[in-house]
Amino acid sequence: MSEPASITDFTIATGVRETASEDGAVLLDIEQGICFSLNPVGLKIWELLKKRHSLDQIADALGQEFSVPRTQLLLDASEFIKALEAKHLIRRTNDTLPRKSWFSRVLARE
């Protein structure tokens, strides 16, 4: 299995808005017109990503809160980050291809 790019190689997609609470967060991608929900652990990883923490730093932070082996924390955080990228909530900083907004895709269907 290949490792994701360094966490610092990612940025939050410009169309993503968030609302956080003690129960997690809701992410709204205004470009895709889609909502995503995060549990509290997902929110913790999201906030660390926004601060451009590395995968190792994320695992260290999670390890301070949960009694889970470090290898499992690294694997789980890596899979979560891959899922965020697949949903276009984060993107690689070298990804220069512009995405069409949700609204422009709807208009193109007419």
PDB file of N, CA and C in Angstrom:
ATOM      1  N   MET A   1       0.857  -1.180   0.000  1.00  0.00           N
ATOM      2  CA  MET A   1       0.000   0.000   0.000  1.00  0.00           C
ATOM      3  C   MET A   1       0.893   1.230   0.000  1.00  0.00           C
ATOM      4  N   SER A   2       0.589   2.173  -0.862  1.00  0.00           N
ATOM      5  CA  SER A   2       1.411   3.378  -0.938  1.00  0.00           C
ATOM      6  C   SER A   2       0.996   4.370   0.131  1.00  0.00           C
ATOM      7  N   GLU A   3       1.967   5.123   0.595  1.00  0.00           N
ATOM      8  CA  GLU A   3       1.723   6.141   1.612  1.00  0.00           C
ATOM      9  C   GLU A   3       1.185   7.396   0.950  1.00  0.00           C
ATOM     10  N   PRO A   4       0.337   8.146   1.634  1.00  0.00           N
ATOM     11  CA  PRO A   4      -0.113   9.402   1.061  1.00  0.00           C
ATOM     12  C   PRO A   4       1.032  10.392   1.043  1.00  0.00           C
ATOM     13  N   ALA A   5       0.878  11.435   0.275  1.00  0.00           N
ATOM     14  CA  ALA A   5       1.888  12.493   0.264  1.00  0.00           C
ATOM     15  C   ALA A   5       2.013  13.057   1.667  1.00  0.00           C
ATOM     16  N   SER A   6       3.115  13.724   1.899  1.00  0.00           N
ATOM     17  CA  SER A   6       3.292  14.371   3.199  1.00  0.00           C
ATOM     18  C   SER A   6       2.070  15.232   3.496  1.00  0.00           C
ATOM     19  N   ILE A   7       1.657  15.232   4.747  1.00  0.00           N
ATOM     20  CA  ILE A   7       0.469  15.993   5.121  1.00  0.00           C
ATOM     21  C   ILE A   7       0.639  17.459   4.785  1.00  0.00           C
ATOM     22  N   THR A   8       1.842  17.951   4.874  1.00  0.00           N
ATOM     23  CA  THR A   8       2.046  19.362   4.569  1.00  0.00           C
ATOM     24  C   THR A   8       1.917  19.637   3.074  1.00  0.00           C
ATOM     25  N   ASP A   9       1.757  18.574   2.264  1.00  0.00           N
ATOM     26  CA  ASP A   9       1.536  18.735   0.826  1.00  0.00           C
ATOM     27  C   ASP A   9       0.062  18.923   0.495  1.00  0.00           C
ATOM     28  N   PHE A  10      -0.796  18.944   1.509  1.00  0.00           N
ATOM     29  CA  PHE A  10      -2.225  19.081   1.306  1.00  0.00           C
ATOM     30  C   PHE A  10      -2.716  20.435   1.801  1.00  0.00           C
ATOM     31  N   THR A  11      -3.772  20.918   1.165  1.00  0.00           N
ATOM     32  CA  THR A  11      -4.477  22.100   1.651  1.00  0.00           C
ATOM     33  C   THR A  11      -5.965  21.777   1.670  1.00  0.00           C
ATOM     34  N   ILE A  12      -6.683  22.489   2.492  1.00  0.00           N
ATOM     35  CA  ILE A  12      -8.127  22.332   2.546  1.00  0.00           C
ATOM     36  C   ILE A  12      -8.696  22.944   1.269  1.00  0.00           C
ATOM     37  N   ALA A  13      -9.617  22.253   0.629  1.00  0.00           N
ATOM     38  CA  ALA A  13     -10.239  22.771  -0.597  1.00  0.00           C
ATOM     39  C   ALA A  13     -10.931  24.101  -0.291  1.00  0.00           C
ATOM     40  N   THR A  14     -10.851  25.027  -1.219  1.00  0.00           N
ATOM     41  CA  THR A  14     -11.359  26.379  -0.984  1.00  0.00           C
ATOM     42  C   THR A  14     -12.856  26.441  -0.757  1.00  0.00           C
ATOM     43  N   GLY A  15     -13.606  25.486  -1.275  1.00  0.00           N
ATOM     44  CA  GLY A  15     -15.062  25.520  -1.126  1.00  0.00           C
ATOM     45  C   GLY A  15     -15.583  24.864   0.138  1.00  0.00           C
ATOM     46  N   VAL A  16     -14.697  24.407   1.019  1.00  0.00           N
ATOM     47  CA  VAL A  16     -15.131  23.674   2.203  1.00  0.00           C
ATOM     48  C   VAL A  16     -15.363  24.629   3.368  1.00  0.00           C
ATOM     49  N   ARG A  17     -16.540  24.500   3.972  1.00  0.00           N
ATOM     50  CA  ARG A  17     -16.906  25.256   5.176  1.00  0.00           C
ATOM     51  C   ARG A  17     -17.176  24.245   6.268  1.00  0.00           C
ATOM     52  N   GLU A  18     -16.972  24.632   7.518  1.00  0.00           N
ATOM     53  CA  GLU A  18     -17.187  23.680   8.607  1.00  0.00           C
ATOM     54  C   GLU A  18     -17.953  24.297   9.757  1.00  0.00           C
ATOM     55  N   THR A  19     -18.665  23.430  10.450  1.00  0.00           N
ATOM     56  CA  THR A  19     -19.327  23.780  11.698  1.00  0.00           C
ATOM     57  C   THR A  19     -18.975  22.675  12.677  1.00  0.00           C
ATOM     58  N   ALA A  20     -18.274  23.038  13.751  1.00  0.00           N
ATOM     59  CA  ALA A  20     -17.805  22.050  14.720  1.00  0.00           C
ATOM     60  C   ALA A  20     -18.600  22.140  16.014  1.00  0.00           C
ATOM     61  N   SER A  21     -18.692  21.005  16.688  1.00  0.00           N
ATOM     62  CA  SER A  21     -19.318  20.925  18.013  1.00  0.00           C
ATOM     63  C   SER A  21     -18.592  19.841  18.792  1.00  0.00           C
ATOM     64  N   GLU A  22     -19.029  19.582  20.009  1.00  0.00           N
ATOM     65  CA  GLU A  22     -18.402  18.527  20.804  1.00  0.00           C
ATOM     66  C   GLU A  22     -18.660  17.142  20.217  1.00  0.00           C
ATOM     67  N   ASP A  23     -19.653  17.026  19.348  1.00  0.00           N
ATOM     68  CA  ASP A  23     -19.985  15.752  18.724  1.00  0.00           C
ATOM     69  C   ASP A  23     -19.226  15.491  17.434  1.00  0.00           C
ATOM     70  N   GLY A  24     -18.444  16.451  16.968  1.00  0.00           N
ATOM     71  CA  GLY A  24     -17.711  16.314  15.719  1.00  0.00           C
ATOM     72  C   GLY A  24     -17.875  17.561  14.882  1.00  0.00           C
ATOM     73  N   ALA A  25     -18.068  17.374  13.588  1.00  0.00           N
ATOM     74  CA  ALA A  25     -18.219  18.515  12.694  1.00  0.00           C
ATOM     75  C   ALA A  25     -19.026  18.116  11.471  1.00  0.00           C
ATOM     76  N   VAL A  26     -19.563  19.129  10.834  1.00  0.00           N
ATOM     77  CA  VAL A  26     -20.196  18.978   9.536  1.00  0.00           C
ATOM     78  C   VAL A  26     -19.388  19.828   8.573  1.00  0.00           C
ATOM     79  N   LEU A  27     -18.961  19.209   7.487  1.00  0.00           N
ATOM     80  CA  LEU A  27     -18.229  19.910   6.438  1.00  0.00           C
ATOM     81  C   LEU A  27     -19.166  20.093   5.260  1.00  0.00           C
ATOM     82  N   LEU A  28     -19.238  21.286   4.762  1.00  0.00           N
ATOM     83  CA  LEU A  28     -20.037  21.584   3.581  1.00  0.00           C
ATOM     84  C   LEU A  28     -19.094  21.980   2.470  1.00  0.00           C
ATOM     85  N   ASP A  29     -19.142  21.245   1.395  1.00  0.00           N
ATOM     86  CA  ASP A  29     -18.352  21.602   0.219  1.00  0.00           C
ATOM     87  C   ASP A  29     -19.288  22.352  -0.713  1.00  0.00           C
ATOM     88  N   ILE A  30     -19.156  23.673  -0.744  1.00  0.00           N
ATOM     89  CA  ILE A  30     -20.068  24.482  -1.548  1.00  0.00           C
ATOM     90  C   ILE A  30     -19.829  24.305  -3.042  1.00  0.00           C
ATOM     91  N   GLU A  31     -18.651  23.800  -3.428  1.00  0.00           N
ATOM     92  CA  GLU A  31     -18.392  23.547  -4.839  1.00  0.00           C
ATOM     93  C   GLU A  31     -19.110  22.290  -5.317  1.00  0.00           C
ATOM     94  N   GLN A  32     -19.165  21.271  -4.448  1.00  0.00           N
ATOM     95  CA  GLN A  32     -19.827  20.022  -4.817  1.00  0.00           C
ATOM     96  C   GLN A  32     -21.291  20.001  -4.390  1.00  0.00           C
ATOM     97  N   GLY A  33     -21.658  20.882  -3.457  1.00  0.00           N
ATOM     98  CA  GLY A  33     -23.010  20.889  -2.938  1.00  0.00           C
ATOM     99  C   GLY A  33     -23.301  19.685  -2.064  1.00  0.00           C
ATOM    100  N   ILE A  34     -22.290  19.243  -1.307  1.00  0.00           N
ATOM    101  CA  ILE A  34     -22.403  18.035  -0.500  1.00  0.00           C
ATOM    102  C   ILE A  34     -21.942  18.316   0.926  1.00  0.00           C
ATOM    103  N   CYS A  35     -22.622  17.669   1.905  1.00  0.00           N
ATOM    104  CA  CYS A  35     -22.242  17.750   3.317  1.00  0.00           C
ATOM    105  C   CYS A  35     -21.581  16.447   3.743  1.00  0.00           C
ATOM    106  N   PHE A  36     -20.624  16.550   4.625  1.00  0.00           N
ATOM    107  CA  PHE A  36     -19.950  15.401   5.204  1.00  0.00           C
ATOM    108  C   PHE A  36     -19.931  15.582   6.711  1.00  0.00           C
ATOM    109  N   SER A  37     -20.076  14.495   7.440  1.00  0.00           N
ATOM    110  CA  SER A  37     -20.005  14.603   8.896  1.00  0.00           C
ATOM    111  C   SER A  37     -18.742  13.910   9.397  1.00  0.00           C
ATOM    112  N   LEU A  38     -18.173  14.478  10.465  1.00  0.00           N
ATOM    113  CA  LEU A  38     -16.984  13.925  11.105  1.00  0.00           C
ATOM    114  C   LEU A  38     -17.311  13.635  12.554  1.00  0.00           C
ATOM    115  N   ASN A  39     -16.837  12.511  13.056  1.00  0.00           N
ATOM    116  CA  ASN A  39     -16.964  12.250  14.480  1.00  0.00           C
ATOM    117  C   ASN A  39     -15.871  13.052  15.210  1.00  0.00           C
ATOM    118  N   PRO A  40     -15.830  13.027  16.534  1.00  0.00           N
ATOM    119  CA  PRO A  40     -14.829  13.834  17.243  1.00  0.00           C
ATOM    120  C   PRO A  40     -13.376  13.522  16.866  1.00  0.00           C
ATOM    121  N   VAL A  41     -13.065  12.255  16.589  1.00  0.00           N
ATOM    122  CA  VAL A  41     -11.699  11.906  16.188  1.00  0.00           C
ATOM    123  C   VAL A  41     -11.409  12.476  14.798  1.00  0.00           C
ATOM    124  N   GLY A  42     -12.375  12.359  13.892  1.00  0.00           N
ATOM    125  CA  GLY A  42     -12.208  12.943  12.559  1.00  0.00           C
ATOM    126  C   GLY A  42     -12.010  14.441  12.637  1.00  0.00           C
ATOM    127  N   LEU A  43     -12.747  15.100  13.525  1.00  0.00           N
ATOM    128  CA  LEU A  43     -12.585  16.544  13.716  1.00  0.00           C
ATOM    129  C   LEU A  43     -11.191  16.874  14.221  1.00  0.00           C
ATOM    130  N   LYS A  44     -10.671  16.059  15.147  1.00  0.00           N
ATOM    131  CA  LYS A  44      -9.320  16.296  15.675  1.00  0.00           C
ATOM    132  C   LYS A  44      -8.296  16.214  14.545  1.00  0.00           C
ATOM    133  N   ILE A  45      -8.411  15.193  13.698  1.00  0.00           N
ATOM    134  CA  ILE A  45      -7.489  15.053  12.568  1.00  0.00           C
ATOM    135  C   ILE A  45      -7.658  16.224  11.607  1.00  0.00           C
ATOM    136  N   TRP A  46      -8.897  16.611  11.325  1.00  0.00           N
ATOM    137  CA  TRP A  46      -9.181  17.738  10.431  1.00  0.00           C
ATOM    138  C   TRP A  46      -8.503  19.014  10.935  1.00  0.00           C
ATOM    139  N   GLU A  47      -8.637  19.276  12.230  1.00  0.00           N
ATOM    140  CA  GLU A  47      -8.044  20.489  12.795  1.00  0.00           C
ATOM    141  C   GLU A  47      -6.520  20.447  12.733  1.00  0.00           C
ATOM    142  N   LEU A  48      -5.940  19.272  12.933  1.00  0.00           N
ATOM    143  CA  LEU A  48      -4.485  19.148  12.821  1.00  0.00           C
ATOM    144  C   LEU A  48      -4.030  19.311  11.369  1.00  0.00           C
ATOM    145  N   LEU A  49      -4.836  18.817  10.433  1.00  0.00           N
ATOM    146  CA  LEU A  49      -4.520  19.024   9.014  1.00  0.00           C
ATOM    147  C   LEU A  49      -4.527  20.511   8.664  1.00  0.00           C
ATOM    148  N   LYS A  50      -5.503  21.230   9.208  1.00  0.00           N
ATOM    149  CA  LYS A  50      -5.583  22.668   8.929  1.00  0.00           C
ATOM    150  C   LYS A  50      -4.344  23.394   9.446  1.00  0.00           C
ATOM    151  N   LYS A  51      -3.743  22.858  10.504  1.00  0.00           N
ATOM    152  CA  LYS A  51      -2.522  23.449  11.066  1.00  0.00           C
ATOM    153  C   LYS A  51      -1.271  22.887  10.403  1.00  0.00           C
ATOM    154  N   ARG A  52      -1.472  22.051   9.372  1.00  0.00           N
ATOM    155  CA  ARG A  52      -0.404  21.485   8.551  1.00  0.00           C
ATOM    156  C   ARG A  52       0.526  20.570   9.344  1.00  0.00           C
ATOM    157  N   HIS A  53      -0.059  19.814  10.287  1.00  0.00           N
ATOM    158  CA  HIS A  53       0.715  18.831  11.039  1.00  0.00           C
ATOM    159  C   HIS A  53       1.031  17.628  10.155  1.00  0.00           C
ATOM    160  N   SER A  54       2.153  16.988  10.434  1.00  0.00           N
ATOM    161  CA  SER A  54       2.539  15.785   9.699  1.00  0.00           C
ATOM    162  C   SER A  54       1.736  14.593  10.209  1.00  0.00           C
ATOM    163  N   LEU A  55       1.790  13.505   9.467  1.00  0.00           N
ATOM    164  CA  LEU A  55       1.109  12.284   9.882  1.00  0.00           C
ATOM    165  C   LEU A  55       1.654  11.822  11.234  1.00  0.00           C
ATOM    166  N   ASP A  56       2.964  11.914  11.432  1.00  0.00           N
ATOM    167  CA  ASP A  56       3.565  11.546  12.720  1.00  0.00           C
ATOM    168  C   ASP A  56       3.036  12.420  13.848  1.00  0.00           C
ATOM    169  N   GLN A  57       2.918  13.716  13.607  1.00  0.00           N
ATOM    170  CA  GLN A  57       2.399  14.622  14.630  1.00  0.00           C
ATOM    171  C   GLN A  57       0.933  14.319  14.949  1.00  0.00           C
ATOM    172  N   ILE A  58       0.168  13.960  13.926  1.00  0.00           N
ATOM    173  CA  ILE A  58      -1.234  13.601  14.141  1.00  0.00           C
ATOM    174  C   ILE A  58      -1.315  12.330  14.994  1.00  0.00           C
ATOM    175  N   ALA A  59      -0.504  11.331  14.658  1.00  0.00           N
ATOM    176  CA  ALA A  59      -0.500  10.089  15.441  1.00  0.00           C
ATOM    177  C   ALA A  59      -0.079  10.363  16.883  1.00  0.00           C
ATOM    178  N   ASP A  60       0.909  11.242  17.086  1.00  0.00           N
ATOM    179  CA  ASP A  60       1.341  11.594  18.442  1.00  0.00           C
ATOM    180  C   ASP A  60       0.207  12.239  19.225  1.00  0.00           C
ATOM    181  N   ALA A  61      -0.517  13.157  18.596  1.00  0.00           N
ATOM    182  CA  ALA A  61      -1.621  13.842  19.273  1.00  0.00           C
ATOM    183  C   ALA A  61      -2.733  12.861  19.630  1.00  0.00           C
ATOM    184  N   LEU A  62      -3.047  11.969  18.714  1.00  0.00           N
ATOM    185  CA  LEU A  62      -4.084  10.974  18.985  1.00  0.00           C
ATOM    186  C   LEU A  62      -3.633   9.993  20.064  1.00  0.00           C
ATOM    187  N   GLY A  63      -2.341   9.656  20.042  1.00  0.00           N
ATOM    188  CA  GLY A  63      -1.796   8.738  21.040  1.00  0.00           C
ATOM    189  C   GLY A  63      -1.868   9.280  22.454  1.00  0.00           C
ATOM    190  N   GLN A  64      -1.881  10.607  22.588  1.00  0.00           N
ATOM    191  CA  GLN A  64      -2.006  11.221  23.909  1.00  0.00           C
ATOM    192  C   GLN A  64      -3.429  11.080  24.460  1.00  0.00           C
ATOM    193  N   GLU A  65      -4.388  10.885  23.577  1.00  0.00           N
ATOM    194  CA  GLU A  65      -5.789  10.796  23.993  1.00  0.00           C
ATOM    195  C   GLU A  65      -6.339   9.373  24.031  1.00  0.00           C
ATOM    196  N   PHE A  66      -5.745   8.485  23.230  1.00  0.00           N
ATOM    197  CA  PHE A  66      -6.289   7.141  23.092  1.00  0.00           C
ATOM    198  C   PHE A  66      -5.202   6.096  23.318  1.00  0.00           C
ATOM    199  N   SER A  67      -5.564   5.012  23.977  1.00  0.00           N
ATOM    200  CA  SER A  67      -4.637   3.894  24.211  1.00  0.00           C
ATOM    201  C   SER A  67      -4.703   2.939  23.031  1.00  0.00           C
ATOM    202  N   VAL A  68      -4.129   3.379  21.930  1.00  0.00           N
ATOM    203  CA  VAL A  68      -4.134   2.605  20.696  1.00  0.00           C
ATOM    204  C   VAL A  68      -2.686   2.523  20.219  1.00  0.00           C
ATOM    205  N   PRO A  69      -2.248   1.352  19.721  1.00  0.00           N
ATOM    206  CA  PRO A  69      -0.873   1.251  19.221  1.00  0.00           C
ATOM    207  C   PRO A  69      -0.595   2.292  18.130  1.00  0.00           C
ATOM    208  N   ARG A  70       0.613   2.827  18.152  1.00  0.00           N
ATOM    209  CA  ARG A  70       1.003   3.876  17.204  1.00  0.00           C
ATOM    210  C   ARG A  70       0.829   3.419  15.755  1.00  0.00           C
ATOM    211  N   THR A  71       1.157   2.173  15.457  1.00  0.00           N
ATOM    212  CA  THR A  71       1.003   1.692  14.077  1.00  0.00           C
ATOM    213  C   THR A  71      -0.455   1.765  13.633  1.00  0.00           C
ATOM    214  N   GLN A  72      -1.365   1.472  14.546  1.00  0.00           N
ATOM    215  CA  GLN A  72      -2.793   1.555  14.215  1.00  0.00           C
ATOM    216  C   GLN A  72      -3.221   3.003  14.010  1.00  0.00           C
ATOM    217  N   LEU A  73      -2.714   3.898  14.857  1.00  0.00           N
ATOM    218  CA  LEU A  73      -3.034   5.323  14.707  1.00  0.00           C
ATOM    219  C   LEU A  73      -2.547   5.850  13.362  1.00  0.00           C
ATOM    220  N   LEU A  74      -1.335   5.469  12.977  1.00  0.00           N
ATOM    221  CA  LEU A  74      -0.782   5.906  11.686  1.00  0.00           C
ATOM    222  C   LEU A  74      -1.629   5.375  10.531  1.00  0.00           C
ATOM    223  N   LEU A  75      -1.997   4.101  10.613  1.00  0.00           N
ATOM    224  CA  LEU A  75      -2.799   3.488   9.547  1.00  0.00           C
ATOM    225  C   LEU A  75      -4.172   4.140   9.447  1.00  0.00           C
ATOM    226  N   ASP A  76      -4.836   4.302  10.587  1.00  0.00           N
ATOM    227  CA  ASP A  76      -6.180   4.882  10.584  1.00  0.00           C
ATOM    228  C   ASP A  76      -6.175   6.334  10.113  1.00  0.00           C
ATOM    229  N   ALA A  77      -5.208   7.122  10.583  1.00  0.00           N
ATOM    230  CA  ALA A  77      -5.131   8.528  10.171  1.00  0.00           C
ATOM    231  C   ALA A  77      -4.831   8.623   8.672  1.00  0.00           C
ATOM    232  N   SER A  78      -3.949   7.755   8.191  1.00  0.00           N
ATOM    233  CA  SER A  78      -3.614   7.745   6.768  1.00  0.00           C
ATOM    234  C   SER A  78      -4.836   7.406   5.914  1.00  0.00           C
ATOM    235  N   GLU A  79      -5.611   6.420   6.339  1.00  0.00           N
ATOM    236  CA  GLU A  79      -6.827   6.047   5.598  1.00  0.00           C
ATOM    237  C   GLU A  79      -7.849   7.183   5.610  1.00  0.00           C
ATOM    238  N   PHE A  80      -7.974   7.857   6.744  1.00  0.00           N
ATOM    239  CA  PHE A  80      -8.905   8.977   6.844  1.00  0.00           C
ATOM    240  C   PHE A  80      -8.493  10.100   5.897  1.00  0.00           C
ATOM    241  N   ILE A  81      -7.200  10.391   5.851  1.00  0.00           N
ATOM    242  CA  ILE A  81      -6.682  11.447   4.977  1.00  0.00           C
ATOM    243  C   ILE A  81      -6.917  11.082   3.509  1.00  0.00           C
ATOM    244  N   LYS A  82      -6.712   9.814   3.167  1.00  0.00           N
ATOM    245  CA  LYS A  82      -6.978   9.360   1.793  1.00  0.00           C
ATOM    246  C   LYS A  82      -8.458   9.540   1.452  1.00  0.00           C
ATOM    247  N   ALA A  83      -9.341   9.265   2.419  1.00  0.00           N
ATOM    248  CA  ALA A  83     -10.777   9.434   2.182  1.00  0.00           C
ATOM    249  C   ALA A  83     -11.125  10.903   1.975  1.00  0.00           C
ATOM    250  N   LEU A  84     -10.510  11.788   2.753  1.00  0.00           N
ATOM    251  CA  LEU A  84     -10.739  13.233   2.563  1.00  0.00           C
ATOM    252  C   LEU A  84     -10.308  13.673   1.175  1.00  0.00           C
ATOM    253  N   GLU A  85      -9.166  13.155   0.734  1.00  0.00           N
ATOM    254  CA  GLU A  85      -8.676  13.508  -0.604  1.00  0.00           C
ATOM    255  C   GLU A  85      -9.610  12.952  -1.680  1.00  0.00           C
ATOM    256  N   ALA A  86     -10.078  11.729  -1.504  1.00  0.00           N
ATOM    257  CA  ALA A  86     -10.977  11.114  -2.488  1.00  0.00           C
ATOM    258  C   ALA A  86     -12.287  11.886  -2.603  1.00  0.00           C
ATOM    259  N   LYS A  87     -12.723  12.496  -1.512  1.00  0.00           N
ATOM    260  CA  LYS A  87     -13.962  13.286  -1.513  1.00  0.00           C
ATOM    261  C   LYS A  87     -13.698  14.747  -1.906  1.00  0.00           C
ATOM    262  N   HIS A  88     -12.451  15.059  -2.246  1.00  0.00           N
ATOM    263  CA  HIS A  88     -12.038  16.400  -2.687  1.00  0.00           C
ATOM    264  C   HIS A  88     -12.194  17.460  -1.597  1.00  0.00           C
ATOM    265  N   LEU A  89     -12.107  17.044  -0.333  1.00  0.00           N
ATOM    266  CA  LEU A  89     -12.164  18.001   0.772  1.00  0.00           C
ATOM    267  C   LEU A  89     -10.788  18.584   1.051  1.00  0.00           C
ATOM    268  N   ILE A  90      -9.763  17.823   0.716  1.00  0.00           N
ATOM    269  CA  ILE A  90      -8.390  18.325   0.738  1.00  0.00           C
ATOM    270  C   ILE A  90      -7.811  18.030  -0.631  1.00  0.00           C
ATOM    271  N   ARG A  91      -6.809  18.792  -0.995  1.00  0.00           N
ATOM    272  CA  ARG A  91      -6.135  18.520  -2.262  1.00  0.00           C
ATOM    273  C   ARG A  91      -4.654  18.768  -2.116  1.00  0.00           C
ATOM    274  N   ARG A  92      -3.939  18.127  -2.963  1.00  0.00           N
ATOM    275  CA  ARG A  92      -2.485  18.300  -2.961  1.00  0.00           C
ATOM    276  C   ARG A  92      -2.171  19.719  -3.415  1.00  0.00           C
ATOM    277  N   THR A  93      -1.171  20.306  -2.789  1.00  0.00           N
ATOM    278  CA  THR A  93      -0.841  21.690  -3.122  1.00  0.00           C
ATOM    279  C   THR A  93      -0.336  21.825  -4.552  1.00  0.00           C
ATOM    280  N   ASN A  94       0.192  20.746  -5.125  1.00  0.00           N
ATOM    281  CA  ASN A  94       0.672  20.822  -6.506  1.00  0.00           C
ATOM    282  C   ASN A  94      -0.421  20.473  -7.512  1.00  0.00           C
ATOM    283  N   ASP A  95      -1.653  20.247  -7.043  1.00  0.00           N
ATOM    284  CA  ASP A  95      -2.789  19.952  -7.920  1.00  0.00           C
ATOM    285  C   ASP A  95      -3.296  21.273  -8.494  1.00  0.00           C
ATOM    286  N   THR A  96      -2.945  21.546  -9.727  1.00  0.00           N
ATOM    287  CA  THR A  96      -3.285  22.838 -10.332  1.00  0.00           C
ATOM    288  C   THR A  96      -4.505  22.771 -11.230  1.00  0.00           C
ATOM    289  N   LEU A  97      -5.079  21.588 -11.401  1.00  0.00           N
ATOM    290  CA  LEU A  97      -6.258  21.487 -12.260  1.00  0.00           C
ATOM    291  C   LEU A  97      -7.451  22.138 -11.573  1.00  0.00           C
ATOM    292  N   PRO A  98      -8.048  23.146 -12.192  1.00  0.00           N
ATOM    293  CA  PRO A  98      -9.218  23.770 -11.564  1.00  0.00           C
ATOM    294  C   PRO A  98     -10.408  22.831 -11.637  1.00  0.00           C
ATOM    295  N   ARG A  99     -11.176  22.797 -10.564  1.00  0.00           N
ATOM    296  CA  ARG A  99     -12.403  21.998 -10.552  1.00  0.00           C
ATOM    297  C   ARG A  99     -13.568  22.907 -10.847  1.00  0.00           C
ATOM    298  N   LYS A 100     -14.510  22.371 -11.599  1.00  0.00           N
ATOM    299  CA  LYS A 100     -15.729  23.127 -11.832  1.00  0.00           C
ATOM    300  C   LYS A 100     -16.557  23.124 -10.559  1.00  0.00           C
ATOM    301  N   SER A 101     -17.179  24.227 -10.269  1.00  0.00           N
ATOM    302  CA  SER A 101     -18.020  24.301  -9.087  1.00  0.00           C
ATOM    303  C   SER A 101     -19.292  23.496  -9.317  1.00  0.00           C
ATOM    304  N   TRP A 102     -19.930  23.138  -8.212  1.00  0.00           N
ATOM    305  CA  TRP A 102     -21.194  22.408  -8.267  1.00  0.00           C
ATOM    306  C   TRP A 102     -22.204  23.193  -9.096  1.00  0.00           C
ATOM    307  N   PHE A 103     -22.284  24.501  -8.882  1.00  0.00           N
ATOM    308  CA  PHE A 103     -23.247  25.328  -9.587  1.00  0.00           C
ATOM    309  C   PHE A 103     -22.976  25.338 -11.094  1.00  0.00           C
ATOM    310  N   SER A 104     -21.717  25.462 -11.481  1.00  0.00           N
ATOM    311  CA  SER A 104     -21.407  25.490 -12.914  1.00  0.00           C
ATOM    312  C   SER A 104     -21.675  24.128 -13.562  1.00  0.00           C
ATOM    313  N   ARG A 105     -21.506  23.025 -12.799  1.00  0.00           N
ATOM    314  CA  ARG A 105     -21.829  21.702 -13.351  1.00  0.00           C
ATOM    315  C   ARG A 105     -23.320  21.553 -13.547  1.00  0.00           C
ATOM    316  N   VAL A 106     -24.126  22.099 -12.640  1.00  0.00           N
ATOM    317  CA  VAL A 106     -25.591  22.038 -12.779  1.00  0.00           C
ATOM    318  C   VAL A 106     -26.021  22.823 -14.007  1.00  0.00           C
ATOM    319  N   LEU A 107     -25.473  24.018 -14.181  1.00  0.00           N
ATOM    320  CA  LEU A 107     -25.830  24.831 -15.332  1.00  0.00           C
ATOM    321  C   LEU A 107     -25.417  24.174 -16.647  1.00  0.00           C
ATOM    322  N   ALA A 108     -24.319  23.436 -16.639  1.00  0.00           N
ATOM    323  CA  ALA A 108     -23.838  22.792 -17.852  1.00  0.00           C
ATOM    324  C   ALA A 108     -24.778  21.673 -18.299  1.00  0.00           C
ATOM    325  N   ARG A 109     -25.607  21.149 -17.407  1.00  0.00           N
ATOM    326  CA  ARG A 109     -26.529  20.061 -17.741  1.00  0.00           C
ATOM    327  C   ARG A 109     -27.731  20.559 -18.536  1.00  0.00           C
ATOM    328  N   GLU A 110     -27.991  21.815 -18.484  1.00  0.00           N
ATOM    329  CA  GLU A 110     -29.179  22.346 -19.166  1.00  0.00           C
ATOM    330  C   GLU A 110     -28.963  22.485 -20.652  1.00  0.00           C
TER     331      GLU A 110
END
